Amino acid sequence: MVSLKKLPEEVQPLLGEAKKTARRQYIRGRVAAAKATAPRKTRTSAKAVAAAGTAGAASAYFFDPIAGKRRREQVRERATTLFKRNGRTENA
């Protein structure tokens, strides 16, 4: 390898800039490779957040220790009545 001290003085700054440019390109390449192999962050969709919130609210509503049992019985009765009513109209 050629030493920088043996080259003319006007060429030395040019080689220094070439080294800086080469180093920058090398570092950019390493960073790009690291980004390409790194696990990507996934973003939770708004629909998933809304569905989770709705499920949480429904479970809190039905599993309430004070009034949850009464609410579950009401829903059970309404569903049973709805299925019986629809069953009769289809068979008639």
C-alpha atoms as a PDB file:
ATOM      1  CA  MET A   1       0.000   0.000   0.000  1.00  0.00           C
ATOM      2  CA  VAL A   2       1.211   3.482  -0.808  1.00  0.00           C
ATOM      3  CA  SER A   3       1.819   5.778   2.101  1.00  0.00           C
ATOM      4  CA  LEU A   4       0.107   9.160   2.014  1.00  0.00           C
ATOM      5  CA  LYS A   5       3.340  10.885   3.052  1.00  0.00           C
ATOM      6  CA  LYS A   6       5.143   9.886  -0.161  1.00  0.00           C
ATOM      7  CA  LEU A   7       2.485  11.368  -2.463  1.00  0.00           C
ATOM      8  CA  PRO A   8       2.495  14.994  -3.520  1.00  0.00           C
ATOM      9  CA  GLU A   9       0.749  17.386  -1.148  1.00  0.00           C
ATOM     10  CA  GLU A  10      -2.014  18.349  -3.608  1.00  0.00           C
ATOM     11  CA  VAL A  11      -3.097  14.679  -3.946  1.00  0.00           C
ATOM     12  CA  GLN A  12      -3.245  13.918  -0.205  1.00  0.00           C
ATOM     13  CA  PRO A  13      -6.503  15.841   0.489  1.00  0.00           C
ATOM     14  CA  LEU A  14      -8.163  14.107  -2.465  1.00  0.00           C
ATOM     15  CA  LEU A  15      -7.302  10.693  -1.080  1.00  0.00           C
ATOM     16  CA  GLY A  16      -8.585  11.748   2.336  1.00  0.00           C
ATOM     17  CA  GLU A  17     -11.940  12.670   0.753  1.00  0.00           C
ATOM     18  CA  ALA A  18     -12.005   9.384  -1.160  1.00  0.00           C
ATOM     19  CA  LYS A  19     -11.484   7.484   2.091  1.00  0.00           C
ATOM     20  CA  LYS A  20     -14.311   9.422   3.749  1.00  0.00           C
ATOM     21  CA  THR A  21     -16.622   8.727   0.824  1.00  0.00           C
ATOM     22  CA  ALA A  22     -15.720   5.045   0.819  1.00  0.00           C
ATOM     23  CA  ARG A  23     -16.283   4.811   4.570  1.00  0.00           C
ATOM     24  CA  ARG A  24     -19.694   6.535   4.261  1.00  0.00           C
ATOM     25  CA  GLN A  25     -20.752   4.153   1.513  1.00  0.00           C
ATOM     26  CA  TYR A  26     -19.593   1.177   3.556  1.00  0.00           C
ATOM     27  CA  ILE A  27     -21.527   2.349   6.614  1.00  0.00           C
ATOM     28  CA  ARG A  28     -24.654   3.039   4.545  1.00  0.00           C
ATOM     29  CA  GLY A  29     -24.431  -0.465   3.117  1.00  0.00           C
ATOM     30  CA  ARG A  30     -24.113  -1.985   6.594  1.00  0.00           C
ATOM     31  CA  VAL A  31     -27.069   0.007   7.876  1.00  0.00           C
ATOM     32  CA  ALA A  32     -29.190  -0.988   4.877  1.00  0.00           C
ATOM     33  CA  ALA A  33     -28.286  -4.650   5.400  1.00  0.00           C
ATOM     34  CA  ALA A  34     -29.158  -4.416   9.096  1.00  0.00           C
ATOM     35  CA  LYS A  35     -32.511  -2.803   8.308  1.00  0.00           C
ATOM     36  CA  ALA A  36     -33.294  -5.476   5.723  1.00  0.00           C
ATOM     37  CA  THR A  37     -32.647  -8.339   8.128  1.00  0.00           C
ATOM     38  CA  ALA A  38     -34.170  -6.735  11.244  1.00  0.00           C
ATOM     39  CA  PRO A  39     -37.664  -7.843  12.249  1.00  0.00           C
ATOM     40  CA  ARG A  40     -40.252  -5.355  11.122  1.00  0.00           C
ATOM     41  CA  LYS A  41     -42.567  -3.660  13.532  1.00  0.00           C
ATOM     42  CA  THR A  42     -46.154  -4.551  12.858  1.00  0.00           C
ATOM     43  CA  ARG A  43     -48.834  -2.026  13.353  1.00  0.00           C
ATOM     44  CA  THR A  44     -52.138  -2.990  14.921  1.00  0.00           C
ATOM     45  CA  SER A  45     -55.052  -2.087  12.687  1.00  0.00           C
ATOM     46  CA  ALA A  46     -57.885   0.110  13.872  1.00  0.00           C
ATOM     47  CA  LYS A  47     -60.367  -2.720  13.267  1.00  0.00           C
ATOM     48  CA  ALA A  48     -58.446  -5.042  15.571  1.00  0.00           C
ATOM     49  CA  VAL A  49     -58.329  -2.404  18.292  1.00  0.00           C
ATOM     50  CA  ALA A  50     -62.069  -1.762  17.936  1.00  0.00           C
ATOM     51  CA  ALA A  51     -62.848  -5.494  18.035  1.00  0.00           C
ATOM     52  CA  ALA A  52     -60.715  -5.974  21.144  1.00  0.00           C
ATOM     53  CA  GLY A  53     -62.382  -3.012  22.837  1.00  0.00           C
ATOM     54  CA  THR A  54     -65.843  -4.306  21.982  1.00  0.00           C
ATOM     55  CA  ALA A  55     -65.006  -7.778  23.259  1.00  0.00           C
ATOM     56  CA  GLY A  56     -63.634  -6.315  26.473  1.00  0.00           C
ATOM     57  CA  ALA A  57     -66.700  -4.152  27.004  1.00  0.00           C
ATOM     58  CA  ALA A  58     -69.068  -7.067  26.328  1.00  0.00           C
ATOM     59  CA  SER A  59     -67.224  -9.337  28.724  1.00  0.00           C
ATOM     60  CA  ALA A  60     -67.248  -6.657  31.418  1.00  0.00           C
ATOM     61  CA  TYR A  61     -70.965  -6.138  30.820  1.00  0.00           C
ATOM     62  CA  PHE A  62     -71.881  -9.829  31.060  1.00  0.00           C
ATOM     63  CA  PHE A  63     -69.426 -10.906  33.747  1.00  0.00           C
ATOM     64  CA  ASP A  64     -70.255  -8.062  36.097  1.00  0.00           C
ATOM     65  CA  PRO A  65     -70.495  -9.611  39.596  1.00  0.00           C
ATOM     66  CA  ILE A  66     -73.575  -7.588  40.560  1.00  0.00           C
ATOM     67  CA  ALA A  67     -75.876  -7.535  37.528  1.00  0.00           C
ATOM     68  CA  GLY A  68     -74.128  -9.886  35.092  1.00  0.00           C
ATOM     69  CA  LYS A  69     -76.206 -12.960  35.917  1.00  0.00           C
ATOM     70  CA  ARG A  70     -79.469 -11.090  35.256  1.00  0.00           C
ATOM     71  CA  ARG A  71     -78.106  -9.724  31.956  1.00  0.00           C
ATOM     72  CA  ARG A  72     -76.973 -13.161  30.797  1.00  0.00           C
ATOM     73  CA  GLU A  73     -80.412 -14.615  31.600  1.00  0.00           C
ATOM     74  CA  GLN A  74     -82.141 -11.824  29.649  1.00  0.00           C
ATOM     75  CA  VAL A  75     -79.953 -12.436  26.606  1.00  0.00           C
ATOM     76  CA  ARG A  76     -80.541 -16.196  26.866  1.00  0.00           C
ATOM     77  CA  GLU A  77     -84.336 -15.674  27.047  1.00  0.00           C
ATOM     78  CA  ARG A  78     -84.369 -13.249  24.101  1.00  0.00           C
ATOM     79  CA  ALA A  79     -82.238 -15.580  21.963  1.00  0.00           C
ATOM     80  CA  THR A  80     -84.446 -18.583  22.817  1.00  0.00           C
ATOM     81  CA  THR A  81     -87.597 -16.609  21.991  1.00  0.00           C
ATOM     82  CA  LEU A  82     -86.104 -15.376  18.718  1.00  0.00           C
ATOM     83  CA  PHE A  83     -85.108 -18.901  17.620  1.00  0.00           C
ATOM     84  CA  LYS A  84     -88.502 -20.331  18.567  1.00  0.00           C
ATOM     85  CA  ARG A  85     -90.357 -17.566  16.732  1.00  0.00           C
ATOM     86  CA  ASN A  86     -88.257 -17.993  13.568  1.00  0.00           C
ATOM     87  CA  GLY A  87     -88.581 -21.751  13.752  1.00  0.00           C
ATOM     88  CA  ARG A  88     -92.394 -21.519  13.805  1.00  0.00           C
ATOM     89  CA  THR A  89     -92.634 -19.143  10.847  1.00  0.00           C
ATOM     90  CA  GLU A  90     -90.375 -21.318   8.677  1.00  0.00           C
ATOM     91  CA  ASN A  91     -92.325 -24.521   9.418  1.00  0.00           C
ATOM     92  CA  ALA A  92     -95.768 -22.969   8.891  1.00  0.00           C
END
